[in-house]
N, C-alpha and C. Protein backbone atom coordinates (compact mmCIF):
# COMPACT_ATOMS: atom_id res chain seq x y z
N UNK A 1 25.80 -6.69 3.37
CA UNK A 1 24.27 -7.35 3.61
C UNK A 1 23.26 -7.42 2.99
N UNK A 2 22.40 -8.77 2.41
CA UNK A 2 21.48 -8.55 1.72
C UNK A 2 19.94 -8.48 2.14
N UNK A 3 19.28 -7.56 1.33
CA UNK A 3 17.90 -7.26 1.78
C UNK A 3 17.17 -8.55 1.79
N UNK A 4 16.20 -8.64 2.68
CA UNK A 4 14.94 -9.67 2.62
C UNK A 4 14.36 -9.53 1.41
N UNK A 5 13.50 -10.88 1.16
CA UNK A 5 12.44 -10.56 0.10
C UNK A 5 11.46 -10.38 1.00
N UNK A 6 10.12 -10.03 0.09
CA UNK A 6 9.09 -9.40 0.90
C UNK A 6 8.26 -11.29 1.54
N UNK A 7 8.52 -11.78 0.96
CA UNK A 7 7.90 -13.36 1.50
C UNK A 7 9.27 -13.56 3.04
N UNK A 8 10.12 -13.31 2.89
CA UNK A 8 11.23 -13.80 4.21
C UNK A 8 10.66 -12.66 5.14
N UNK A 9 10.61 -11.41 4.84
CA UNK A 9 10.12 -10.44 5.71
C UNK A 9 8.83 -10.84 6.83
N UNK A 10 7.64 -11.21 6.17
CA UNK A 10 6.27 -11.83 6.06
C UNK A 10 6.55 -13.00 7.17
N UNK A 11 7.30 -13.93 6.56
CA UNK A 11 7.41 -15.04 7.61
C UNK A 11 8.36 -14.76 8.95
N UNK A 12 9.30 -13.76 8.61
CA UNK A 12 10.03 -13.19 10.39
C UNK A 12 8.86 -12.57 11.16
N UNK A 13 8.08 -11.35 10.63
CA UNK A 13 7.17 -10.86 11.39
C UNK A 13 5.96 -11.62 11.97
N UNK A 14 5.76 -12.78 11.03
CA UNK A 14 4.61 -13.54 11.63
C UNK A 14 5.16 -14.59 12.85
N UNK A 15 6.42 -14.89 12.63
CA UNK A 15 7.55 -15.75 13.58
C UNK A 15 7.18 -15.06 14.72
N UNK A 16 7.89 -13.61 14.71
CA UNK A 16 8.21 -12.85 15.76
C UNK A 16 6.67 -12.58 16.79
N UNK A 17 5.84 -12.31 16.07
CA UNK A 17 4.31 -12.16 16.52
C UNK A 17 3.88 -13.45 17.54
N UNK A 18 4.18 -14.53 16.53
CA UNK A 18 3.58 -15.71 17.17
C UNK A 18 4.56 -16.00 18.74
N UNK A 19 5.69 -15.24 18.47
CA UNK A 19 6.38 -15.52 19.83
C UNK A 19 6.26 -14.43 21.03
N UNK A 20 5.07 -13.60 20.64
CA UNK A 20 4.57 -12.93 21.67
C UNK A 20 5.47 -11.33 21.51
N UNK A 21 6.19 -10.96 20.53
CA UNK A 21 6.39 -9.86 20.11
C UNK A 21 6.04 -8.57 19.79
N UNK A 22 5.27 -7.70 20.93
CA UNK A 22 4.39 -6.39 20.54
C UNK A 22 5.20 -5.72 19.23
N UNK A 23 6.42 -5.27 19.49
CA UNK A 23 7.33 -4.37 18.42
C UNK A 23 7.00 -5.06 17.14
N UNK A 24 6.79 -6.43 16.97
CA UNK A 24 6.68 -7.11 15.52
C UNK A 24 5.20 -6.60 14.97
N UNK A 25 4.08 -6.79 16.11
CA UNK A 25 2.65 -6.23 15.70
C UNK A 25 2.92 -4.76 15.31
N UNK A 26 3.79 -3.88 15.72
CA UNK A 26 3.78 -2.55 15.37
C UNK A 26 4.58 -2.48 13.89
N UNK A 27 5.48 -3.03 13.65
CA UNK A 27 6.28 -3.14 12.59
C UNK A 27 5.39 -3.35 11.41
N UNK A 28 4.60 -4.76 11.67
CA UNK A 28 3.90 -5.09 10.58
C UNK A 28 2.56 -3.88 10.14
N UNK A 29 2.14 -3.24 11.16
CA UNK A 29 1.19 -2.25 10.74
C UNK A 29 1.81 -1.22 10.06
N UNK A 30 2.97 -0.74 10.56
CA UNK A 30 3.65 0.14 9.90
C UNK A 30 4.15 -0.21 8.23
N UNK A 31 4.67 -1.24 8.09
CA UNK A 31 5.03 -1.92 6.94
C UNK A 31 3.78 -1.67 5.95
N UNK A 32 2.57 -2.25 6.61
CA UNK A 32 1.56 -2.68 5.53
C UNK A 32 0.56 -1.77 5.42
N UNK A 33 0.18 -1.03 6.19
CA UNK A 33 -0.40 0.10 6.56
C UNK A 33 -1.12 0.82 5.37
N UNK A 34 -0.04 1.69 4.85
CA UNK A 34 -0.17 2.45 3.56
C UNK A 34 -0.50 1.84 2.83
N UNK A 35 -0.31 0.73 2.06
CA UNK A 35 -1.11 -0.08 1.20
C UNK A 35 -2.74 -0.47 1.55
N UNK A 36 -2.53 -0.63 2.65
CA UNK A 36 -4.38 -1.14 2.95
C UNK A 36 -5.19 0.17 3.04
N UNK A 37 -4.64 1.35 3.57
CA UNK A 37 -5.44 2.25 3.40
C UNK A 37 -5.76 2.64 2.05
N UNK A 38 -4.61 2.43 1.12
CA UNK A 38 -4.53 3.05 -0.08
C UNK A 38 -5.72 2.28 -1.05
N UNK A 39 -5.60 0.82 -0.68
CA UNK A 39 -6.69 -0.08 -1.32
C UNK A 39 -8.19 0.22 -0.68
N UNK A 40 -8.18 0.47 0.38
CA UNK A 40 -9.44 0.77 0.88
C UNK A 40 -10.42 2.03 0.30
N UNK A 41 -9.27 3.22 0.55
CA UNK A 41 -9.56 4.36 -0.08
C UNK A 41 -10.29 4.45 -1.39
N UNK A 42 -9.33 3.46 -2.54
CA UNK A 42 -9.53 3.33 -3.61
C UNK A 42 -10.85 2.90 -3.97
N UNK A 43 -11.09 1.68 -3.27
CA UNK A 43 -12.41 1.27 -3.62
C UNK A 43 -13.50 1.55 -2.79
N UNK A 44 -13.55 2.40 -1.68
CA UNK A 44 -14.45 2.84 -0.69
C UNK A 44 -15.17 4.23 -1.45
N UNK A 45 -13.66 4.97 -1.66
CA UNK A 45 -13.88 6.57 -2.23
C UNK A 45 -14.07 7.26 -1.06
N UNK A 46 -13.54 6.89 -0.01
CA UNK A 46 -14.03 7.81 1.18
C UNK A 46 -12.75 7.23 2.21
N UNK A 47 -12.01 8.40 2.15
CA UNK A 47 -10.67 8.24 3.32
C UNK A 47 -11.01 8.01 4.51
N UNK A 48 -12.21 8.53 5.44
CA UNK A 48 -12.57 8.21 6.73
C UNK A 48 -13.03 6.95 6.48
N UNK A 49 -14.15 6.47 6.14
CA UNK A 49 -14.02 4.95 5.87
C UNK A 49 -13.18 3.97 5.85
N UNK A 50 -11.94 4.31 5.10
CA UNK A 50 -11.18 3.55 4.60
C UNK A 50 -10.28 3.42 6.14
N UNK A 51 -9.93 4.66 6.31
CA UNK A 51 -9.10 4.61 7.65
C UNK A 51 -9.61 3.78 9.12
N UNK A 52 -11.15 3.75 8.88
CA UNK A 52 -11.88 2.95 10.01
C UNK A 52 -11.92 1.79 9.94
N UNK A 53 -12.14 1.19 8.74
CA UNK A 53 -11.70 0.02 8.13
C UNK A 53 -10.41 -0.53 8.34
N UNK A 54 -9.46 0.21 8.15
CA UNK A 54 -8.23 -0.23 8.57
C UNK A 54 -7.90 -0.49 9.68
N UNK A 55 -8.17 0.30 10.78
CA UNK A 55 -8.19 0.13 12.08
C UNK A 55 -8.57 -1.26 12.33
N UNK A 56 -10.03 -1.53 12.07
CA UNK A 56 -10.83 -2.92 12.29
C UNK A 56 -10.20 -3.97 11.46
N UNK A 57 -9.50 -3.65 10.23
CA UNK A 57 -8.72 -4.61 9.89
C UNK A 57 -7.36 -5.53 10.61
N UNK A 58 -6.66 -4.32 10.97
CA UNK A 58 -5.51 -4.64 11.96
C UNK A 58 -6.17 -5.45 13.20
N UNK A 59 -7.17 -4.88 13.86
CA UNK A 59 -7.36 -5.71 14.89
C UNK A 59 -7.47 -7.09 14.42
N UNK A 60 -8.33 -7.50 13.02
CA UNK A 60 -8.57 -8.97 12.89
C UNK A 60 -7.58 -9.77 12.65
N UNK A 61 -6.57 -8.80 11.86
CA UNK A 61 -5.30 -9.48 11.44
C UNK A 61 -4.47 -9.68 12.46
N UNK A 62 -4.09 -8.86 13.37
CA UNK A 62 -3.26 -9.24 14.73
C UNK A 62 -3.88 -10.53 15.32
N UNK A 63 -4.95 -10.60 15.80
CA UNK A 63 -5.88 -11.50 16.52
C UNK A 63 -5.33 -12.88 15.69
N UNK A 64 -5.64 -12.85 14.52
CA UNK A 64 -5.36 -13.95 13.73
C UNK A 64 -4.08 -14.61 13.80
N UNK A 65 -3.22 -13.61 13.27
CA UNK A 65 -1.82 -14.08 13.35
C UNK A 65 -1.41 -14.47 14.57
N UNK A 66 -1.73 -13.82 15.77
CA UNK A 66 -1.58 -14.68 17.14
C UNK A 66 -2.01 -15.75 17.35
N UNK A 67 -3.28 -16.37 16.76
CA UNK A 67 -3.84 -17.48 16.89
C UNK A 67 -3.56 -18.29 16.02
N UNK A 68 -2.36 -18.22 15.44
CA UNK A 68 -1.88 -19.22 14.47
C UNK A 68 -2.75 -19.37 13.18
N UNK A 69 -3.79 -18.38 12.60
CA UNK A 69 -4.69 -18.72 11.81
C UNK A 69 -4.25 -18.48 10.45
N UNK A 70 -2.93 -17.78 10.31
CA UNK A 70 -2.22 -17.71 8.93
C UNK A 70 -1.71 -19.13 8.27
N UNK A 71 -2.27 -19.51 7.35
CA UNK A 71 -1.55 -20.82 6.55
C UNK A 71 -0.08 -20.90 6.40
N UNK A 72 -0.18 -19.93 5.57
CA UNK A 72 1.11 -19.53 4.52
C UNK A 72 1.83 -18.18 5.10
N UNK A 73 2.58 -17.90 6.31
CA UNK A 73 3.06 -16.71 6.74
C UNK A 73 3.57 -15.88 5.41
N UNK A 74 4.35 -16.41 4.51
CA UNK A 74 4.84 -15.62 3.12
C UNK A 74 3.86 -14.79 2.36
N UNK A 75 2.35 -15.25 2.82
CA UNK A 75 1.26 -14.49 2.08
C UNK A 75 0.74 -13.54 3.06
N UNK A 76 1.34 -12.92 3.85
CA UNK A 76 0.92 -12.14 4.69
C UNK A 76 0.17 -10.86 4.20
N UNK A 77 0.73 -10.46 3.33
CA UNK A 77 0.25 -8.89 2.44
C UNK A 77 -1.26 -9.39 1.87
N UNK A 78 -1.08 -10.46 1.23
CA UNK A 78 -2.32 -10.73 0.70
C UNK A 78 -3.52 -11.12 1.61
N UNK A 79 -3.25 -11.73 2.67
CA UNK A 79 -3.63 -11.85 3.81
C UNK A 79 -4.65 -10.63 4.48
N UNK A 80 -3.74 -9.85 4.48
CA UNK A 80 -4.22 -8.32 5.10
C UNK A 80 -4.96 -7.54 4.25
N UNK A 81 -4.94 -7.61 2.74
CA UNK A 81 -5.88 -7.13 1.72
C UNK A 81 -7.11 -7.83 1.94
N UNK A 82 -7.17 -9.27 1.95
CA UNK A 82 -8.10 -10.24 1.90
C UNK A 82 -8.93 -9.49 2.89
N UNK A 83 -8.38 -9.63 4.31
CA UNK A 83 -9.19 -9.03 5.58
C UNK A 83 -9.68 -7.78 5.17
N UNK A 84 -8.90 -6.93 4.97
CA UNK A 84 -9.67 -5.36 4.36
C UNK A 84 -10.70 -5.36 3.56
N UNK A 85 -10.67 -6.41 2.36
CA UNK A 85 -11.79 -6.16 1.29
C UNK A 85 -12.83 -6.72 2.15
N UNK A 86 -12.87 -7.91 2.92
CA UNK A 86 -13.92 -8.32 3.43
C UNK A 86 -14.58 -7.49 4.22
N UNK A 87 -13.85 -6.65 5.41
CA UNK A 87 -14.17 -5.49 5.98
C UNK A 87 -15.14 -4.75 5.44
N UNK A 88 -14.58 -3.86 3.84
CA UNK A 88 -15.52 -3.57 3.43
C UNK A 88 -16.67 -3.91 2.67
N UNK A 89 -16.79 -5.22 2.26
CA UNK A 89 -17.75 -6.06 1.89
C UNK A 89 -19.02 -5.73 2.77
N UNK A 90 -18.51 -6.05 4.24
CA UNK A 90 -19.54 -5.95 4.93
C UNK A 90 -20.27 -4.85 5.12
N UNK A 91 -19.35 -3.53 5.18
CA UNK A 91 -20.07 -2.54 5.06
C UNK A 91 -21.06 -2.61 4.19
N UNK A 92 -20.54 -2.58 2.83
CA UNK A 92 -21.54 -2.33 1.62
C UNK A 92 -22.62 -3.13 2.03
N UNK A 93 -22.48 -4.49 2.41
CA UNK A 93 -23.64 -5.30 2.60
C UNK A 93 -25.03 -5.21 4.02
N UNK A 94 -24.12 -4.19 4.74
CA UNK A 94 -25.05 -3.87 6.05
C UNK A 94 -25.76 -2.52 5.40
N UNK A 95 -26.41 -2.06 6.68
CA UNK A 95 -27.48 -1.03 6.81
C UNK A 95 -26.57 0.45 6.07
N UNK A 96 -25.66 0.52 6.23
CA UNK A 96 -25.08 1.58 5.79
C UNK A 96 -25.42 2.27 4.44
N UNK A 97 -25.35 1.27 3.75
CA UNK A 97 -25.47 1.60 2.03
C UNK A 97 -26.75 0.74 1.88
N UNK A 98 -27.25 1.37 0.70
CA UNK A 98 -28.65 0.94 0.11
C UNK A 98 -28.72 0.13 -0.99
N UNK A 99 -27.70 -0.82 -0.82
CA UNK A 99 -27.29 -1.73 -2.04
C UNK A 99 -27.76 -3.24 -1.41
N UNK A 100 -28.31 -4.17 -2.48
CA UNK A 100 -28.42 -5.43 -2.12
C UNK A 100 -26.99 -6.11 -2.33
N UNK A 101 -27.04 -7.24 -1.57
CA UNK A 101 -25.70 -8.10 -1.63
C UNK A 101 -25.78 -8.33 -3.38
N UNK A 102 -26.32 -8.67 -3.78
CA UNK A 102 -26.59 -9.01 -5.15
C UNK A 102 -25.76 -7.72 -6.02
N UNK A 103 -26.30 -6.34 -5.93
CA UNK A 103 -25.96 -5.28 -6.90
C UNK A 103 -24.01 -5.19 -6.20
N UNK A 104 -23.86 -5.30 -5.16
CA UNK A 104 -22.45 -5.46 -4.62
C UNK A 104 -21.81 -6.62 -5.43
N UNK A 105 -22.25 -7.79 -5.61
CA UNK A 105 -21.42 -8.65 -6.04
C UNK A 105 -21.31 -8.72 -7.47
N UNK A 106 -22.45 -7.68 -7.97
CA UNK A 106 -22.37 -7.79 -9.64
C UNK A 106 -21.47 -6.55 -9.86
N UNK A 107 -21.56 -5.64 -8.85
CA UNK A 107 -20.32 -4.44 -9.36
C UNK A 107 -18.84 -5.22 -9.31
N UNK A 108 -18.66 -6.12 -8.22
CA UNK A 108 -17.27 -6.49 -8.11
C UNK A 108 -17.03 -7.76 -9.11
N UNK A 109 -18.27 -8.16 -9.80
CA UNK A 109 -17.80 -8.97 -10.94
C UNK A 109 -17.40 -8.38 -11.85
N UNK A 110 -18.13 -7.40 -12.48
CA UNK A 110 -17.91 -6.48 -13.39
C UNK A 110 -16.82 -5.59 -13.56
N UNK A 111 -16.05 -5.17 -12.32
CA UNK A 111 -14.87 -4.46 -12.31
C UNK A 111 -13.89 -5.21 -12.24
N UNK A 112 -12.81 -5.53 -13.07
CA UNK A 112 -11.86 -6.18 -12.76
C UNK A 112 -10.76 -5.69 -11.85
N UNK A 113 -10.85 -4.25 -11.56
CA UNK A 113 -9.60 -4.12 -10.28
C UNK A 113 -10.20 -4.29 -9.16
N UNK A 114 -11.26 -4.76 -9.02
CA UNK A 114 -11.84 -5.48 -7.29
C UNK A 114 -11.40 -6.84 -7.73
N UNK A 115 -10.96 -7.65 -8.17
CA UNK A 115 -10.32 -8.99 -8.32
C UNK A 115 -9.05 -8.76 -7.08
N UNK A 116 -9.00 -10.09 -6.27
CA UNK A 116 -8.01 -10.26 -5.42
C UNK A 116 -6.56 -9.91 -6.25
N UNK A 117 -6.21 -10.89 -7.46
CA UNK A 117 -4.96 -10.57 -7.98
C UNK A 117 -4.69 -9.28 -8.46
N UNK A 118 -5.56 -8.57 -8.73
CA UNK A 118 -5.15 -7.16 -9.29
C UNK A 118 -4.95 -6.40 -8.49
N UNK A 119 -5.65 -6.26 -6.98
CA UNK A 119 -5.33 -5.44 -5.83
C UNK A 119 -3.84 -5.92 -5.51
N UNK A 120 -3.73 -7.31 -5.40
CA UNK A 120 -2.06 -7.34 -4.83
C UNK A 120 -1.22 -6.95 -5.60
N UNK A 121 -1.43 -7.14 -7.02
CA UNK A 121 -0.41 -6.60 -8.08
C UNK A 121 -0.04 -5.42 -7.70
N UNK A 122 -1.26 -4.64 -7.85
CA UNK A 122 -1.19 -3.06 -7.42
C UNK A 122 -0.32 -3.05 -6.17
N UNK A 123 -0.58 -3.47 -5.12
CA UNK A 123 -0.08 -3.46 -3.59
C UNK A 123 1.43 -3.62 -3.94
N UNK A 124 1.99 -4.65 -4.45
CA UNK A 124 3.21 -4.91 -4.67
C UNK A 124 3.56 -4.28 -5.58
N UNK A 125 3.34 -3.39 -6.20
CA UNK A 125 3.45 -2.61 -7.38
C UNK A 125 4.00 -0.89 -6.32
N UNK A 126 3.06 -1.11 -5.42
CA UNK A 126 3.36 0.22 -4.70
C UNK A 126 4.37 -0.27 -3.79
N UNK A 127 4.68 -1.32 -2.99
CA UNK A 127 6.04 -1.51 -2.30
C UNK A 127 7.13 -1.36 -3.30
N UNK A 128 7.14 -1.71 -4.39
CA UNK A 128 8.50 -1.43 -5.43
C UNK A 128 8.76 -0.06 -5.88
N UNK A 129 7.34 0.71 -5.92
CA UNK A 129 7.52 2.09 -6.19
C UNK A 129 8.30 2.56 -4.98
N UNK A 130 7.76 2.65 -3.75
CA UNK A 130 8.15 3.11 -2.23
C UNK A 130 9.75 2.67 -2.27
N UNK A 131 10.21 1.32 -2.58
CA UNK A 131 11.49 0.90 -2.34
C UNK A 131 12.13 1.81 -3.28
N UNK A 132 11.96 1.68 -4.37
CA UNK A 132 12.76 2.81 -5.53
C UNK A 132 12.62 3.91 -4.84
N UNK A 133 11.83 4.86 -4.65
CA UNK A 133 11.72 6.31 -4.38
C UNK A 133 12.66 6.21 -3.27
N UNK A 134 12.74 5.51 -2.08
CA UNK A 134 13.44 5.54 -0.76
C UNK A 134 15.22 5.43 -1.49
N UNK A 135 15.20 4.48 -2.57
CA UNK A 135 16.69 4.43 -3.24
C UNK A 135 17.28 5.54 -3.65
N UNK A 136 16.24 6.54 -4.36
CA UNK A 136 16.61 7.94 -5.13
C UNK A 136 17.79 8.46 -4.25
N UNK A 137 18.91 9.20 -4.92
CA UNK A 137 19.97 9.56 -4.38
C UNK A 137 19.77 11.14 -4.01
N UNK A 138 19.15 11.95 -4.48
CA UNK A 138 18.92 13.29 -4.28
C UNK A 138 17.12 13.32 -3.44
N UNK A 139 17.89 13.77 -2.46
CA UNK A 139 16.37 14.19 -1.35
C UNK A 139 15.55 14.80 -2.14
N UNK A 140 15.49 15.92 -2.70
CA UNK A 140 14.62 16.76 -3.39
C UNK A 140 13.92 15.90 -4.21
N UNK A 141 14.69 15.06 -4.99
CA UNK A 141 13.98 14.05 -6.13
C UNK A 141 12.91 13.23 -5.35
N UNK A 142 13.35 12.65 -4.25
CA UNK A 142 12.33 11.69 -3.33
C UNK A 142 11.32 12.71 -2.89
N UNK A 143 11.71 13.78 -2.50
CA UNK A 143 10.27 14.60 -1.71
C UNK A 143 9.27 14.80 -3.01
N UNK A 144 9.94 15.29 -4.47
CA UNK A 144 9.22 15.53 -5.13
C UNK A 144 7.97 14.59 -5.61
N UNK A 145 8.88 13.15 -5.73
CA UNK A 145 8.24 12.32 -6.35
C UNK A 145 7.16 11.93 -5.34
N UNK A 146 7.19 11.87 -4.44
CA UNK A 146 6.58 11.35 -2.90
C UNK A 146 5.31 12.49 -2.84
N UNK A 147 5.64 13.57 -2.83
CA UNK A 147 4.68 14.57 -2.81
C UNK A 147 3.70 14.67 -3.86
N UNK A 148 4.24 14.80 -5.22
CA UNK A 148 3.35 15.29 -6.29
C UNK A 148 2.63 14.06 -6.77
N UNK A 149 3.39 12.65 -6.90
CA UNK A 149 2.77 11.65 -7.18
C UNK A 149 2.05 10.65 -6.31
N UNK A 150 2.69 10.35 -5.38
CA UNK A 150 2.12 9.57 -4.31
C UNK A 150 1.12 10.21 -3.43
N UNK A 151 1.65 11.34 -3.02
CA UNK A 151 0.54 12.11 -1.78
C UNK A 151 -0.51 12.93 -2.70
N UNK A 152 -0.04 13.21 -3.88
CA UNK A 152 -0.97 13.97 -4.77
C UNK A 152 -1.40 15.33 -4.11
N UNK A 153 -0.36 16.29 -3.97
CA UNK A 153 -0.22 17.48 -3.13
C UNK A 153 -0.33 18.77 -4.44
N UNK A 154 -0.99 19.41 -4.29
CA UNK A 154 -1.04 20.85 -5.14
C UNK A 154 0.69 21.29 -5.54
N UNK A 155 0.88 20.91 -6.54
CA UNK A 155 1.98 21.69 -7.00
C UNK A 155 2.28 23.19 -6.56
N UNK A 156 1.27 24.22 -6.33
CA UNK A 156 1.45 25.53 -6.09
C UNK A 156 2.15 25.44 -4.35
N UNK A 157 1.44 24.43 -3.79
CA UNK A 157 1.77 24.24 -2.34
C UNK A 157 3.41 23.63 -2.42
N UNK A 158 3.74 22.90 -3.11
CA UNK A 158 5.03 22.45 -2.99
C UNK A 158 5.93 23.33 -3.76
N UNK A 159 5.64 24.03 -4.65
CA UNK A 159 6.56 25.12 -5.14
C UNK A 159 6.90 26.09 -4.02
N UNK A 160 5.95 26.64 -3.45
CA UNK A 160 6.24 27.37 -2.21
C UNK A 160 7.00 26.79 -1.24
N UNK A 161 6.47 25.58 -0.69
CA UNK A 161 7.32 25.05 0.34
C UNK A 161 9.17 25.08 -0.44
N UNK A 162 9.26 24.59 -1.51
CA UNK A 162 10.37 24.39 -1.73
C UNK A 162 11.30 25.55 -2.67
N UNK A 163 10.33 26.83 -2.33
CA UNK A 163 11.06 27.99 -2.93
C UNK A 163 11.41 27.96 -4.86
N UNK A 164 10.33 27.24 -5.14
CA UNK A 164 10.58 27.12 -6.68
C UNK A 164 9.56 27.77 -7.41
N UNK A 165 9.94 28.31 -8.53
CA UNK A 165 8.56 29.00 -9.26
C UNK A 165 8.15 27.63 -10.67
N UNK A 166 7.07 27.87 -11.30
CA UNK A 166 6.36 26.90 -11.67
C UNK A 166 7.52 26.33 -12.92
N UNK A 167 8.29 26.98 -13.64
CA UNK A 167 9.07 26.61 -14.64
C UNK A 167 10.13 25.64 -14.05
N UNK A 168 10.63 26.22 -12.86
CA UNK A 168 11.80 25.66 -12.38
C UNK A 168 11.30 24.19 -11.66
N UNK A 169 10.08 24.29 -10.99
CA UNK A 169 9.61 23.18 -10.59
C UNK A 169 9.32 21.91 -11.69
N UNK A 170 8.77 22.51 -12.84
CA UNK A 170 8.61 21.55 -13.86
C UNK A 170 9.94 21.01 -14.06
N UNK A 171 11.23 21.46 -14.57
CA UNK A 171 12.49 20.74 -14.94
C UNK A 171 12.94 19.70 -13.70
N UNK A 172 12.91 20.39 -12.34
CA UNK A 172 13.27 19.67 -11.43
C UNK A 172 12.55 18.08 -11.48
N UNK A 173 11.07 18.20 -11.68
CA UNK A 173 10.34 16.98 -11.60
C UNK A 173 10.64 16.28 -12.76
N UNK A 174 10.80 16.78 -13.94
CA UNK A 174 11.17 16.14 -15.00
C UNK A 174 12.55 15.21 -14.68
N UNK A 175 13.61 15.97 -14.43
CA UNK A 175 14.76 15.14 -14.02
C UNK A 175 14.43 14.25 -12.91
N UNK A 176 13.61 14.40 -11.87
CA UNK A 176 13.32 13.54 -10.90
C UNK A 176 12.70 12.19 -11.43
N UNK A 177 11.64 12.63 -12.46
CA UNK A 177 11.00 11.58 -12.94
C UNK A 177 12.03 10.57 -13.89
N UNK A 178 13.05 11.22 -14.63
CA UNK A 178 14.08 10.70 -15.28
C UNK A 178 14.77 9.59 -14.51
N UNK A 179 15.10 10.29 -13.45
CA UNK A 179 16.06 9.35 -12.63
C UNK A 179 15.51 8.37 -11.81
N UNK A 180 13.91 8.37 -11.43
CA UNK A 180 13.09 7.27 -10.96
C UNK A 180 13.00 6.14 -12.27
N UNK A 181 12.47 6.61 -13.53
CA UNK A 181 12.45 5.63 -14.43
C UNK A 181 13.90 4.76 -14.92
N UNK A 182 14.96 5.47 -14.61
CA UNK A 182 16.06 5.02 -14.60
C UNK A 182 16.31 3.68 -13.68
N UNK A 183 16.00 3.92 -12.41
CA UNK A 183 16.06 2.98 -11.23
C UNK A 183 15.01 2.07 -11.55
N UNK A 184 13.71 2.36 -12.10
CA UNK A 184 12.65 1.22 -12.50
C UNK A 184 13.04 0.26 -13.40
N UNK A 185 13.77 0.92 -14.56
CA UNK A 185 14.06 -0.30 -15.61
C UNK A 185 15.45 -0.85 -15.11
N UNK A 186 16.20 -0.47 -14.14
CA UNK A 186 17.21 -1.39 -13.76
C UNK A 186 16.50 -2.45 -13.05
N UNK A 187 15.35 -2.24 -12.27
CA UNK A 187 14.93 -3.03 -11.24
C UNK A 187 14.40 -4.09 -12.18
N UNK A 188 13.49 -3.48 -13.30
CA UNK A 188 12.98 -4.55 -14.07
C UNK A 188 13.71 -5.38 -14.73
N UNK A 189 14.74 -4.98 -15.16
CA UNK A 189 16.09 -5.79 -15.93
C UNK A 189 16.69 -6.91 -14.63
N UNK A 190 16.66 -6.58 -13.44
CA UNK A 190 17.48 -7.46 -12.40
C UNK A 190 16.27 -8.28 -12.23
N UNK A 191 14.87 -8.16 -12.34
CA UNK A 191 13.95 -9.11 -11.92
C UNK A 191 14.11 -9.59 -10.34
N UNK A 192 14.14 -8.32 -9.67
CA UNK A 192 14.09 -8.10 -8.40
C UNK A 192 12.86 -8.70 -7.63
N UNK A 193 12.56 -8.82 -6.45
CA UNK A 193 11.63 -9.03 -5.46
C UNK A 193 11.38 -7.57 -4.71
N UNK A 194 9.95 -6.97 -4.50
CA UNK A 194 9.81 -6.23 -3.69
C UNK A 194 10.81 -6.24 -2.46
């Protein structure tokens, strides 16, 4: 069984949503929510705001997809990111912050990380990383990479949960990183889609 490309998955989700399938909406949110919240949190530096904006983003995205407003279903991820960015921008332009539109626009123009292409590339990289971590054969490797690098949990807490001392943790993490690096290199050489 071959794995579908991101574009094929997006087209399938949009088609199912247009056919009135509620499970497809849930699947879409589950698939893309982590990346959306990550992007919003990174840009706003406020986790609670990012969560709130993600909820509003999903309301709008689902409404637009149901209404057939998404022109290219293969670009679902980019559409979600753009709606999220627009929600964040509206907050910055509103009365919640004491910045003028010009100040916000200037900051975004000067910050290359705020450009849509950069955000989409980061999001796609996050999808690839998540896929490769899921492919790691050793459950402990997956857990260490996820908890330490992605969730950014404290080293002491992970050591305590896994019954490791600091030296052993460092060794195990080093080996997990090496195995992940090998998967990454194989992925890059194969030129696969996320």
